[in-house]
Amino acid sequence: MTEWVSVFPDHYSAWRGIVNQALQRQEASIDGGCPVCGGGPLLMAFTIDGPARRVAPGERIAGRGRRWEWCESCRAFDYDRESLVPEWAAAVTVPESLGLRDPSEAARLLAEKLKEQ
């Protein structure tokens, strides 16, 4: 299987735009949204590492943690090690013990979790 690769700098702005729109719409899966390959779905998973330190009034945050974003087709990914985890993301939250930057383990755990639901 192809190795994971960080989002290329020339695609990073488009990637962030797609992910930010998905977060605003409370979606963790974006069909055909990958700006790197043009066809793969972008997926996200979160882990909660602790309570959020500061939350704006009205924000519904489950805690602070990390976020993985990846494309299943081309295996491009991005990783945010300092992320606020929204309450709506409970369905795509994986165990906090993950220490990897690439999304391989998060993707596996998320697939298992979604099968159980």
N, C-alpha and C. Protein backbone atom coordinates (compact mmCIF):
# COMPACT_ATOMS: atom_id res chain seq x y z
N MET A 1 0.84 -1.18 0.00
CA MET A 1 0.00 0.00 0.00
C MET A 1 0.89 1.24 0.00
N THR A 2 0.44 2.27 -0.67
CA THR A 2 1.18 3.53 -0.77
C THR A 2 1.35 4.17 0.61
N GLU A 3 2.49 4.79 0.82
CA GLU A 3 2.75 5.49 2.08
C GLU A 3 1.88 6.74 2.20
N TRP A 4 1.63 7.16 3.41
CA TRP A 4 0.94 8.43 3.65
C TRP A 4 1.87 9.57 3.31
N VAL A 5 1.34 10.65 2.77
CA VAL A 5 2.14 11.81 2.41
C VAL A 5 1.41 13.08 2.87
N SER A 6 2.17 13.98 3.48
CA SER A 6 1.58 15.26 3.91
C SER A 6 1.04 16.01 2.70
N VAL A 7 -0.03 16.77 2.94
CA VAL A 7 -0.62 17.56 1.85
C VAL A 7 0.44 18.46 1.25
N PHE A 8 0.55 18.45 -0.06
CA PHE A 8 1.55 19.26 -0.76
C PHE A 8 1.26 20.74 -0.56
N PRO A 9 2.31 21.56 -0.43
CA PRO A 9 2.10 23.00 -0.21
C PRO A 9 1.18 23.66 -1.25
N ASP A 10 1.26 23.23 -2.50
CA ASP A 10 0.42 23.88 -3.52
C ASP A 10 -1.05 23.48 -3.41
N HIS A 11 -1.38 22.50 -2.59
CA HIS A 11 -2.77 22.09 -2.37
C HIS A 11 -3.26 22.45 -0.96
N TYR A 12 -2.37 22.96 -0.14
CA TYR A 12 -2.70 23.14 1.28
C TYR A 12 -3.85 24.13 1.50
N SER A 13 -3.85 25.23 0.80
CA SER A 13 -4.89 26.24 0.98
C SER A 13 -6.26 25.68 0.60
N ALA A 14 -6.35 24.97 -0.50
CA ALA A 14 -7.62 24.36 -0.91
C ALA A 14 -8.05 23.29 0.10
N TRP A 15 -7.09 22.50 0.57
CA TRP A 15 -7.38 21.46 1.57
C TRP A 15 -7.99 22.09 2.82
N ARG A 16 -7.33 23.15 3.35
CA ARG A 16 -7.82 23.81 4.55
C ARG A 16 -9.22 24.38 4.33
N GLY A 17 -9.45 24.96 3.16
CA GLY A 17 -10.77 25.51 2.86
C GLY A 17 -11.85 24.45 2.91
N ILE A 18 -11.59 23.30 2.30
CA ILE A 18 -12.56 22.20 2.29
C ILE A 18 -12.80 21.68 3.70
N VAL A 19 -11.73 21.48 4.46
CA VAL A 19 -11.87 20.98 5.82
C VAL A 19 -12.61 21.99 6.70
N ASN A 20 -12.28 23.26 6.59
CA ASN A 20 -12.95 24.28 7.41
C ASN A 20 -14.44 24.35 7.10
N GLN A 21 -14.81 24.23 5.82
CA GLN A 21 -16.23 24.21 5.45
C GLN A 21 -16.92 22.99 6.05
N ALA A 22 -16.25 21.84 5.99
CA ALA A 22 -16.83 20.62 6.55
C ALA A 22 -17.03 20.76 8.06
N LEU A 23 -16.06 21.34 8.74
CA LEU A 23 -16.19 21.54 10.19
C LEU A 23 -17.38 22.46 10.50
N GLN A 24 -17.56 23.50 9.72
CA GLN A 24 -18.69 24.40 9.93
C GLN A 24 -20.02 23.69 9.69
N ARG A 25 -20.05 22.76 8.74
CA ARG A 25 -21.26 21.99 8.44
C ARG A 25 -21.42 20.78 9.35
N GLN A 26 -20.46 20.58 10.23
CA GLN A 26 -20.44 19.45 11.16
C GLN A 26 -20.41 18.12 10.42
N GLU A 27 -19.52 18.03 9.45
CA GLU A 27 -19.33 16.82 8.66
C GLU A 27 -17.90 16.34 8.80
N ALA A 28 -17.73 15.04 8.96
CA ALA A 28 -16.38 14.47 9.08
C ALA A 28 -16.00 13.67 7.85
N SER A 29 -16.84 13.70 6.83
CA SER A 29 -16.56 13.01 5.58
C SER A 29 -17.02 13.88 4.43
N ILE A 30 -16.13 14.10 3.47
CA ILE A 30 -16.44 14.96 2.33
C ILE A 30 -16.22 14.16 1.06
N ASP A 31 -17.29 13.74 0.41
CA ASP A 31 -17.18 12.94 -0.81
C ASP A 31 -16.57 13.76 -1.95
N GLY A 32 -15.61 13.16 -2.64
CA GLY A 32 -15.00 13.78 -3.80
C GLY A 32 -14.34 15.11 -3.53
N GLY A 33 -13.93 15.32 -2.28
CA GLY A 33 -13.43 16.63 -1.90
C GLY A 33 -11.93 16.81 -1.92
N CYS A 34 -11.18 15.79 -2.29
CA CYS A 34 -9.72 15.90 -2.18
C CYS A 34 -9.15 16.82 -3.26
N PRO A 35 -8.48 17.91 -2.85
CA PRO A 35 -7.87 18.79 -3.83
C PRO A 35 -6.57 18.24 -4.41
N VAL A 36 -6.03 17.18 -3.82
CA VAL A 36 -4.79 16.60 -4.32
C VAL A 36 -5.06 15.69 -5.51
N CYS A 37 -6.01 14.75 -5.34
CA CYS A 37 -6.29 13.79 -6.42
C CYS A 37 -7.59 14.08 -7.16
N GLY A 38 -8.43 14.93 -6.59
CA GLY A 38 -9.66 15.32 -7.25
C GLY A 38 -10.82 14.36 -7.12
N GLY A 39 -10.64 13.23 -6.47
CA GLY A 39 -11.75 12.30 -6.45
C GLY A 39 -12.02 11.62 -5.13
N GLY A 40 -11.01 11.47 -4.33
CA GLY A 40 -11.19 10.70 -3.10
C GLY A 40 -11.96 11.46 -2.05
N PRO A 41 -12.62 10.72 -1.17
CA PRO A 41 -13.28 11.38 -0.04
C PRO A 41 -12.25 11.81 1.00
N LEU A 42 -12.48 12.96 1.61
CA LEU A 42 -11.66 13.38 2.75
C LEU A 42 -12.38 12.93 4.00
N LEU A 43 -11.63 12.34 4.92
CA LEU A 43 -12.17 11.86 6.18
C LEU A 43 -11.45 12.52 7.34
N MET A 44 -12.12 12.59 8.48
CA MET A 44 -11.53 13.16 9.69
C MET A 44 -11.77 12.25 10.87
N ALA A 45 -10.83 12.27 11.79
CA ALA A 45 -11.00 11.62 13.09
C ALA A 45 -10.37 12.52 14.14
N PHE A 46 -10.90 12.46 15.34
CA PHE A 46 -10.42 13.27 16.46
C PHE A 46 -10.06 12.36 17.62
N THR A 47 -9.24 12.87 18.49
CA THR A 47 -9.03 12.25 19.79
C THR A 47 -9.06 13.35 20.84
N ILE A 48 -9.62 13.06 21.99
CA ILE A 48 -9.70 14.04 23.07
C ILE A 48 -8.59 13.73 24.07
N ASP A 49 -7.75 14.73 24.30
CA ASP A 49 -6.63 14.57 25.23
C ASP A 49 -6.89 15.20 26.59
N GLY A 50 -7.89 16.07 26.68
CA GLY A 50 -8.19 16.73 27.95
C GLY A 50 -9.26 17.78 27.76
N PRO A 51 -9.58 18.50 28.83
CA PRO A 51 -10.61 19.54 28.72
C PRO A 51 -10.10 20.74 27.92
N ALA A 52 -11.01 21.42 27.30
CA ALA A 52 -10.66 22.64 26.57
C ALA A 52 -10.33 23.72 27.59
N ARG A 53 -9.27 24.47 27.32
CA ARG A 53 -8.86 25.52 28.27
C ARG A 53 -9.73 26.76 28.14
N ARG A 54 -9.96 27.18 26.90
CA ARG A 54 -10.78 28.36 26.66
C ARG A 54 -11.78 28.03 25.56
N VAL A 55 -13.01 28.34 25.84
CA VAL A 55 -14.06 28.10 24.84
C VAL A 55 -14.89 29.37 24.74
N ALA A 56 -15.12 29.81 23.51
CA ALA A 56 -15.94 31.00 23.28
C ALA A 56 -17.38 30.70 23.70
N PRO A 57 -18.08 31.71 24.19
CA PRO A 57 -19.49 31.51 24.56
C PRO A 57 -20.27 30.95 23.37
N GLY A 58 -21.07 29.93 23.66
CA GLY A 58 -21.88 29.32 22.61
C GLY A 58 -21.23 28.17 21.88
N GLU A 59 -19.90 28.03 21.98
CA GLU A 59 -19.23 26.91 21.31
C GLU A 59 -19.50 25.63 22.08
N ARG A 60 -19.79 24.57 21.37
CA ARG A 60 -20.06 23.27 21.98
C ARG A 60 -18.85 22.38 21.72
N ILE A 61 -17.93 22.41 22.68
CA ILE A 61 -16.65 21.74 22.55
C ILE A 61 -16.57 20.58 23.55
N ALA A 62 -16.18 19.40 23.07
CA ALA A 62 -16.04 18.23 23.94
C ALA A 62 -14.72 18.25 24.70
N GLY A 63 -13.70 18.90 24.13
CA GLY A 63 -12.40 18.96 24.78
C GLY A 63 -11.33 19.42 23.80
N ARG A 64 -10.08 19.34 24.25
CA ARG A 64 -8.97 19.66 23.36
C ARG A 64 -8.32 18.35 22.97
N GLY A 65 -7.76 18.33 21.79
CA GLY A 65 -7.14 17.09 21.34
C GLY A 65 -6.45 17.24 20.02
N ARG A 66 -6.53 16.20 19.21
CA ARG A 66 -5.86 16.16 17.91
C ARG A 66 -6.87 15.81 16.84
N ARG A 67 -6.53 16.20 15.60
CA ARG A 67 -7.40 15.91 14.47
C ARG A 67 -6.57 15.39 13.31
N TRP A 68 -7.02 14.29 12.73
CA TRP A 68 -6.42 13.75 11.51
C TRP A 68 -7.39 14.00 10.37
N GLU A 69 -6.86 14.35 9.21
CA GLU A 69 -7.65 14.51 7.99
C GLU A 69 -6.89 13.74 6.92
N TRP A 70 -7.61 12.95 6.10
CA TRP A 70 -6.91 12.18 5.09
C TRP A 70 -7.81 11.86 3.91
N CYS A 71 -7.16 11.54 2.80
CA CYS A 71 -7.85 11.08 1.61
C CYS A 71 -7.56 9.58 1.46
N GLU A 72 -8.59 8.79 1.37
CA GLU A 72 -8.44 7.35 1.22
C GLU A 72 -7.81 6.98 -0.13
N SER A 73 -8.05 7.80 -1.15
CA SER A 73 -7.58 7.46 -2.51
C SER A 73 -6.09 7.70 -2.69
N CYS A 74 -5.64 8.94 -2.45
CA CYS A 74 -4.23 9.27 -2.72
C CYS A 74 -3.36 9.24 -1.47
N ARG A 75 -3.98 9.06 -0.29
CA ARG A 75 -3.29 8.95 1.00
C ARG A 75 -2.57 10.23 1.42
N ALA A 76 -3.07 11.36 0.92
CA ALA A 76 -2.59 12.66 1.43
C ALA A 76 -3.25 12.86 2.79
N PHE A 77 -2.56 13.56 3.69
CA PHE A 77 -3.13 13.79 5.01
C PHE A 77 -2.60 15.07 5.63
N ASP A 78 -3.31 15.53 6.65
CA ASP A 78 -2.85 16.62 7.49
C ASP A 78 -3.18 16.22 8.93
N TYR A 79 -2.42 16.77 9.85
CA TYR A 79 -2.54 16.41 11.27
C TYR A 79 -2.45 17.68 12.09
N ASP A 80 -3.41 17.87 12.99
CA ASP A 80 -3.42 19.03 13.87
C ASP A 80 -3.30 18.51 15.30
N ARG A 81 -2.17 18.77 15.93
CA ARG A 81 -1.96 18.24 17.28
C ARG A 81 -2.52 19.14 18.38
N GLU A 82 -3.07 20.29 18.00
CA GLU A 82 -3.68 21.22 18.96
C GLU A 82 -5.04 21.64 18.41
N SER A 83 -6.04 20.82 18.62
CA SER A 83 -7.35 21.08 18.03
C SER A 83 -8.42 21.08 19.11
N LEU A 84 -9.42 21.92 18.94
CA LEU A 84 -10.61 21.83 19.76
C LEU A 84 -11.49 20.77 19.12
N VAL A 85 -12.03 19.88 19.93
CA VAL A 85 -12.86 18.79 19.41
C VAL A 85 -14.32 19.16 19.66
N PRO A 86 -15.07 19.38 18.58
CA PRO A 86 -16.48 19.75 18.75
C PRO A 86 -17.31 18.59 19.27
N GLU A 87 -18.38 18.91 19.99
CA GLU A 87 -19.25 17.86 20.53
C GLU A 87 -19.81 16.96 19.43
N TRP A 88 -20.13 17.51 18.28
CA TRP A 88 -20.73 16.70 17.20
C TRP A 88 -19.77 15.62 16.70
N ALA A 89 -18.49 15.73 16.99
CA ALA A 89 -17.48 14.79 16.48
C ALA A 89 -17.37 13.52 17.31
N ALA A 90 -18.25 13.31 18.27
CA ALA A 90 -18.17 12.11 19.11
C ALA A 90 -18.17 10.82 18.27
N ALA A 91 -18.91 10.81 17.18
CA ALA A 91 -18.99 9.61 16.34
C ALA A 91 -17.68 9.30 15.63
N VAL A 92 -16.81 10.29 15.51
CA VAL A 92 -15.53 10.09 14.82
C VAL A 92 -14.35 10.34 15.75
N THR A 93 -14.55 10.05 17.04
CA THR A 93 -13.49 10.19 18.03
C THR A 93 -12.89 8.82 18.31
N VAL A 94 -11.57 8.76 18.29
CA VAL A 94 -10.86 7.50 18.52
C VAL A 94 -10.08 7.61 19.83
N PRO A 95 -9.59 6.48 20.38
CA PRO A 95 -8.89 6.51 21.67
C PRO A 95 -7.71 7.49 21.71
N GLU A 96 -7.52 8.09 22.87
CA GLU A 96 -6.48 9.12 23.02
C GLU A 96 -5.07 8.56 23.03
N SER A 97 -4.89 7.28 23.06
CA SER A 97 -3.56 6.69 23.15
C SER A 97 -2.76 6.76 21.86
N LEU A 98 -3.37 7.22 20.79
CA LEU A 98 -2.66 7.28 19.50
C LEU A 98 -1.54 8.31 19.56
N GLY A 99 -0.37 7.92 19.17
CA GLY A 99 0.75 8.85 19.16
C GLY A 99 1.28 9.13 17.77
N LEU A 100 0.66 8.54 16.77
CA LEU A 100 1.15 8.67 15.41
C LEU A 100 0.66 9.95 14.75
N ARG A 101 1.53 10.53 13.93
CA ARG A 101 1.14 11.70 13.16
C ARG A 101 0.36 11.29 11.92
N ASP A 102 0.79 10.21 11.26
CA ASP A 102 0.04 9.78 10.07
C ASP A 102 -1.27 9.13 10.53
N PRO A 103 -2.27 9.12 9.67
CA PRO A 103 -3.60 8.67 10.09
C PRO A 103 -3.85 7.16 10.02
N SER A 104 -2.83 6.36 9.83
CA SER A 104 -3.05 4.92 9.63
C SER A 104 -3.84 4.29 10.77
N GLU A 105 -3.45 4.52 12.00
CA GLU A 105 -4.13 3.92 13.13
C GLU A 105 -5.49 4.58 13.38
N ALA A 106 -5.57 5.89 13.21
CA ALA A 106 -6.86 6.58 13.37
C ALA A 106 -7.86 6.06 12.34
N ALA A 107 -7.42 5.86 11.11
CA ALA A 107 -8.30 5.36 10.05
C ALA A 107 -8.79 3.95 10.39
N ARG A 108 -7.92 3.10 10.88
CA ARG A 108 -8.29 1.73 11.23
C ARG A 108 -9.30 1.73 12.38
N LEU A 109 -9.02 2.50 13.44
CA LEU A 109 -9.91 2.55 14.60
C LEU A 109 -11.26 3.17 14.23
N LEU A 110 -11.24 4.19 13.39
CA LEU A 110 -12.48 4.81 12.97
C LEU A 110 -13.34 3.82 12.17
N ALA A 111 -12.72 3.08 11.27
CA ALA A 111 -13.45 2.08 10.47
C ALA A 111 -14.09 1.04 11.40
N GLU A 112 -13.36 0.58 12.41
CA GLU A 112 -13.90 -0.39 13.37
C GLU A 112 -15.07 0.20 14.14
N LYS A 113 -14.92 1.44 14.56
CA LYS A 113 -15.96 2.10 15.34
C LYS A 113 -17.24 2.26 14.51
N LEU A 114 -17.09 2.66 13.26
CA LEU A 114 -18.26 2.88 12.41
C LEU A 114 -18.95 1.56 12.06
N LYS A 115 -18.21 0.46 12.00
CA LYS A 115 -18.83 -0.85 11.76
C LYS A 115 -19.72 -1.26 12.92
N GLU A 116 -19.32 -0.88 14.13
CA GLU A 116 -20.07 -1.26 15.33
C GLU A 116 -21.36 -0.48 15.47
N GLN A 117 -21.45 0.66 14.82
CA GLN A 117 -22.65 1.52 14.98
C GLN A 117 -23.78 1.07 14.11
